[in-house]
Amino acid sequence: MTAWKPLVPGVVNPDLIYAMRKIGQPETRVTSWQNDIYQVVAREHEGGIVHLSIKRHDRGKARDWRHLQQIKNEVCGPEREGMEIYPAESRLVDGANEYHLWVLPENMKLTDQIGFREGVVPTDDQIDRFNEAGHKGRQEPWQDGLTTGRNPHTPYMTAEQEAQINDAIPTKPEAGDFGWCPCGAPLDEGGTCIRQPECWARKGT
């Protein structure tokens, strides 16, 4: 895996400048950014919301969440919150391999009903331990150069949280074991969840 290369300012497409003028948005509110993989156009709307339009140079699919978070951080700032919208089908836009984030103004946060109230991010050592154990909480190792999840704002997982996860989520069963319960725990030889009688999936059965 090659290292992430930071975004650098680019040149806004003149056709986009023309289109923005036609709909009444000044080109001074449009900036362009790029690295070896992505091209990003940032458009600031009234009220400070920034619309990020993200696509790969090769126009391929782009679904690496950490890359999208990194782009948001580099263009708008690590402590600004953004969102990707899964719209009503009646206003769906799906014409290209292009991805859109809407970033809120500084100091504005999503409500308590959206997102997690507290963050938690495993360290490299914790990721290695989860992955080596075949844990259901296993995680992709961090790509060199990415600063998302690896910066002064990062809420790193504590040893206590790691222990709670290990206790609550079993590791992957070895070959020859007897399958999984819907609750995520292994089944014993008789097909019974090892969490009985606490298993929520089998209560009442």
Protein backbone atom coordinates (compact mmCIF):
# COMPACT_ATOMS: atom_id res chain seq x y z
CA MET A 1 0.00 0.00 0.00
CA THR A 2 1.50 3.32 -1.06
CA ALA A 3 1.54 6.29 1.30
CA TRP A 4 -1.20 8.93 1.17
CA LYS A 5 -0.11 12.13 -0.56
CA PRO A 6 -1.62 15.37 0.80
CA LEU A 7 -3.92 17.40 -1.42
CA VAL A 8 -2.52 20.49 -3.11
CA PRO A 9 -4.43 23.42 -4.67
CA GLY A 10 -5.44 22.92 -8.28
CA VAL A 11 -7.02 24.97 -11.04
CA VAL A 12 -10.80 25.21 -11.22
CA ASN A 13 -12.22 24.08 -14.56
CA PRO A 14 -13.29 27.18 -16.56
CA ASP A 15 -16.49 25.38 -17.58
CA LEU A 16 -17.41 25.08 -13.90
CA ILE A 17 -16.70 28.80 -13.38
CA TYR A 18 -19.05 29.59 -16.27
CA ALA A 19 -21.77 27.32 -14.88
CA MET A 20 -21.46 28.85 -11.42
CA ARG A 21 -21.81 32.35 -12.87
CA LYS A 22 -24.94 31.26 -14.72
CA ILE A 23 -26.59 30.19 -11.45
CA GLY A 24 -25.40 33.25 -9.55
CA GLN A 25 -22.59 31.79 -7.42
CA PRO A 26 -19.30 33.75 -7.54
CA GLU A 27 -16.22 31.79 -8.59
CA THR A 28 -14.30 33.08 -5.55
CA ARG A 29 -16.30 30.52 -3.54
CA VAL A 30 -14.98 27.62 -5.62
CA THR A 31 -11.60 25.97 -5.06
CA SER A 32 -9.97 22.88 -6.51
CA TRP A 33 -7.67 20.35 -4.83
CA GLN A 34 -5.89 17.23 -6.00
CA ASN A 35 -3.31 14.57 -5.28
CA ASP A 36 -2.17 11.51 -7.20
CA ILE A 37 -5.56 9.77 -6.77
CA TYR A 38 -8.32 12.35 -6.32
CA GLN A 39 -9.65 15.59 -7.70
CA VAL A 40 -11.81 17.66 -5.34
CA VAL A 41 -13.94 20.73 -6.01
CA ALA A 42 -15.04 22.68 -2.92
CA ARG A 43 -18.00 25.05 -3.24
CA GLU A 44 -18.92 27.24 -0.28
CA HIS A 45 -22.61 28.09 0.02
CA GLU A 46 -24.36 30.84 1.91
CA GLY A 47 -24.16 30.18 5.63
CA GLY A 48 -20.75 28.52 5.41
CA ILE A 49 -21.69 24.99 4.31
CA VAL A 50 -19.06 23.57 1.95
CA HIS A 51 -20.00 21.07 -0.75
CA LEU A 52 -17.12 18.73 -1.64
CA SER A 53 -17.33 16.98 -5.01
CA ILE A 54 -14.82 14.11 -5.05
CA LYS A 55 -13.73 11.88 -7.91
CA ARG A 56 -10.75 9.80 -8.87
CA HIS A 57 -8.52 10.84 -11.76
CA ASP A 58 -9.19 7.45 -13.37
CA ARG A 59 -12.94 7.92 -12.73
CA GLY A 60 -13.06 4.63 -10.84
CA LYS A 61 -15.11 3.91 -7.71
CA ALA A 62 -13.94 5.64 -4.52
CA ARG A 63 -15.27 4.08 -1.34
CA ASP A 64 -12.34 4.20 1.08
CA TRP A 65 -13.94 5.92 4.09
CA ARG A 66 -10.62 7.07 5.54
CA HIS A 67 -9.74 8.75 2.26
CA LEU A 68 -13.01 10.69 2.29
CA GLN A 69 -12.45 11.69 5.93
CA GLN A 70 -8.88 12.74 5.11
CA ILE A 71 -10.12 14.87 2.20
CA LYS A 72 -12.68 16.55 4.46
CA ASN A 73 -9.97 17.23 7.03
CA GLU A 74 -7.47 18.66 4.56
CA VAL A 75 -9.90 20.91 2.71
CA CYS A 76 -12.16 22.06 5.54
CA GLY A 77 -10.43 21.19 8.83
CA PRO A 78 -10.28 18.14 11.15
CA GLU A 79 -12.85 19.42 13.65
CA ARG A 80 -15.56 20.34 11.14
CA GLU A 81 -18.31 17.77 10.67
CA GLY A 82 -19.59 16.63 7.30
CA MET A 83 -22.14 14.21 5.94
CA GLU A 84 -22.89 12.07 2.92
CA ILE A 85 -26.58 11.96 2.00
CA TYR A 86 -28.53 8.90 0.93
CA PRO A 87 -31.50 10.76 -0.54
CA ALA A 88 -35.08 9.97 -1.30
CA GLU A 89 -35.21 8.15 -4.63
CA SER A 90 -37.20 11.07 -6.05
CA ARG A 91 -34.14 13.35 -5.82
CA LEU A 92 -31.42 10.79 -6.50
CA VAL A 93 -28.37 11.98 -8.47
CA ASP A 94 -26.24 9.07 -9.76
CA GLY A 95 -24.68 10.01 -13.07
CA ALA A 96 -20.98 9.32 -12.49
CA ASN A 97 -18.42 7.87 -10.08
CA GLU A 98 -18.47 11.14 -8.15
CA TYR A 99 -19.01 11.46 -4.42
CA HIS A 100 -20.40 14.36 -2.43
CA LEU A 101 -19.88 15.52 1.14
CA TRP A 102 -21.54 18.50 2.77
CA VAL A 103 -19.40 20.05 5.50
CA LEU A 104 -21.02 22.17 8.20
CA PRO A 105 -19.73 25.63 9.17
CA GLU A 106 -17.11 25.88 11.89
CA ASN A 107 -18.41 25.33 15.43
CA MET A 108 -21.65 23.76 14.14
CA LYS A 109 -22.14 20.10 15.05
CA LEU A 110 -24.68 17.49 14.06
CA THR A 111 -27.39 16.91 16.64
CA ASP A 112 -27.24 14.21 19.31
CA GLN A 113 -29.56 12.08 17.17
CA ILE A 114 -27.00 11.86 14.34
CA GLY A 115 -23.59 10.29 14.77
CA PHE A 116 -21.85 9.01 17.87
CA ARG A 117 -21.61 11.20 20.97
CA GLU A 118 -18.09 9.98 21.78
CA GLY A 119 -15.32 8.76 19.53
CA VAL A 120 -13.09 5.71 19.89
CA VAL A 121 -10.22 4.73 17.59
CA PRO A 122 -7.92 1.71 18.08
CA THR A 123 -4.16 2.15 18.14
CA ASP A 124 -1.92 0.28 15.73
CA ASP A 125 -1.07 -2.23 18.47
CA GLN A 126 -4.76 -2.82 19.27
CA ILE A 127 -5.55 -3.34 15.57
CA ASP A 128 -2.73 -5.90 15.36
CA ARG A 129 -4.08 -7.77 18.40
CA PHE A 130 -7.66 -7.82 17.05
CA ASN A 131 -6.53 -8.98 13.61
CA GLU A 132 -4.13 -11.65 14.87
CA ALA A 133 -6.90 -13.11 17.05
CA GLY A 134 -9.35 -13.26 14.15
CA HIS A 135 -11.59 -10.97 16.21
CA LYS A 136 -14.92 -9.79 14.80
CA GLY A 137 -13.75 -6.27 15.66
CA ARG A 138 -10.79 -6.60 13.28
CA GLN A 139 -9.80 -3.47 11.38
CA GLU A 140 -7.81 -2.43 8.32
CA PRO A 141 -4.30 -1.22 9.26
CA TRP A 142 -3.67 2.51 8.83
CA GLN A 143 -2.21 3.69 5.56
CA ASP A 144 1.06 5.63 5.84
CA GLY A 145 0.53 9.35 5.40
CA LEU A 146 -3.08 9.46 6.62
CA THR A 147 -3.59 11.80 9.55
CA THR A 148 -7.27 11.00 10.14
CA GLY A 149 -7.51 8.95 13.31
CA ARG A 150 -3.87 9.70 14.03
CA ASN A 151 -3.78 13.32 15.20
CA PRO A 152 -4.08 15.36 18.43
CA HIS A 153 -7.89 15.25 18.24
CA THR A 154 -8.05 11.42 18.05
CA PRO A 155 -9.98 9.72 20.91
CA TYR A 156 -7.81 6.62 21.19
CA MET A 157 -9.27 3.41 22.59
CA THR A 158 -8.34 2.81 26.21
CA ALA A 159 -7.16 -0.51 27.61
CA GLU A 160 -10.46 -0.76 29.47
CA GLN A 161 -12.46 -0.30 26.25
CA GLU A 162 -10.32 -2.93 24.52
CA ALA A 163 -11.03 -5.38 27.34
CA GLN A 164 -14.77 -4.66 27.15
CA ILE A 165 -14.78 -5.35 23.40
CA ASN A 166 -12.86 -8.59 23.85
CA ASP A 167 -15.32 -9.69 26.51
CA ALA A 168 -18.42 -8.72 24.53
CA ILE A 169 -17.42 -9.92 21.06
CA PRO A 170 -15.93 -13.41 20.67
CA THR A 171 -13.04 -14.14 18.37
CA LYS A 172 -13.55 -15.99 15.10
CA PRO A 173 -14.09 -19.75 15.64
CA GLU A 174 -11.52 -22.18 14.30
CA ALA A 175 -12.27 -24.61 11.50
CA GLY A 176 -14.42 -27.46 12.81
CA ASP A 177 -16.42 -25.29 15.23
CA PHE A 178 -20.16 -25.25 15.02
CA GLY A 179 -21.21 -21.94 13.50
CA TRP A 180 -22.51 -18.63 14.76
CA CYS A 181 -25.58 -17.47 16.65
CA PRO A 182 -27.35 -14.34 15.27
CA CYS A 183 -26.13 -12.52 18.40
CA GLY A 184 -22.54 -12.97 17.18
CA ALA A 185 -21.43 -15.67 19.63
CA PRO A 186 -20.31 -19.19 18.62
CA LEU A 187 -22.63 -22.20 18.91
CA ASP A 188 -21.64 -25.25 20.90
CA GLU A 189 -21.69 -28.84 19.59
CA GLY A 190 -25.42 -29.08 20.24
CA GLY A 191 -26.18 -25.89 18.32
CA THR A 192 -26.77 -23.81 21.47
CA CYS A 193 -25.40 -20.30 21.84
CA ILE A 194 -22.60 -20.17 24.39
CA ARG A 195 -24.18 -17.00 25.81
CA GLN A 196 -27.33 -18.80 26.96
CA PRO A 197 -29.35 -17.77 28.91
CA GLU A 198 -28.26 -14.15 28.22
CA CYS A 199 -28.40 -14.49 24.42
CA TRP A 200 -30.91 -11.95 23.10
CA ALA A 201 -31.38 -13.80 19.81
CA ARG A 202 -32.59 -17.03 21.47
CA LYS A 203 -34.63 -15.69 24.34
CA GLY A 204 -38.14 -17.01 24.11
CA THR A 205 -37.16 -19.82 21.73
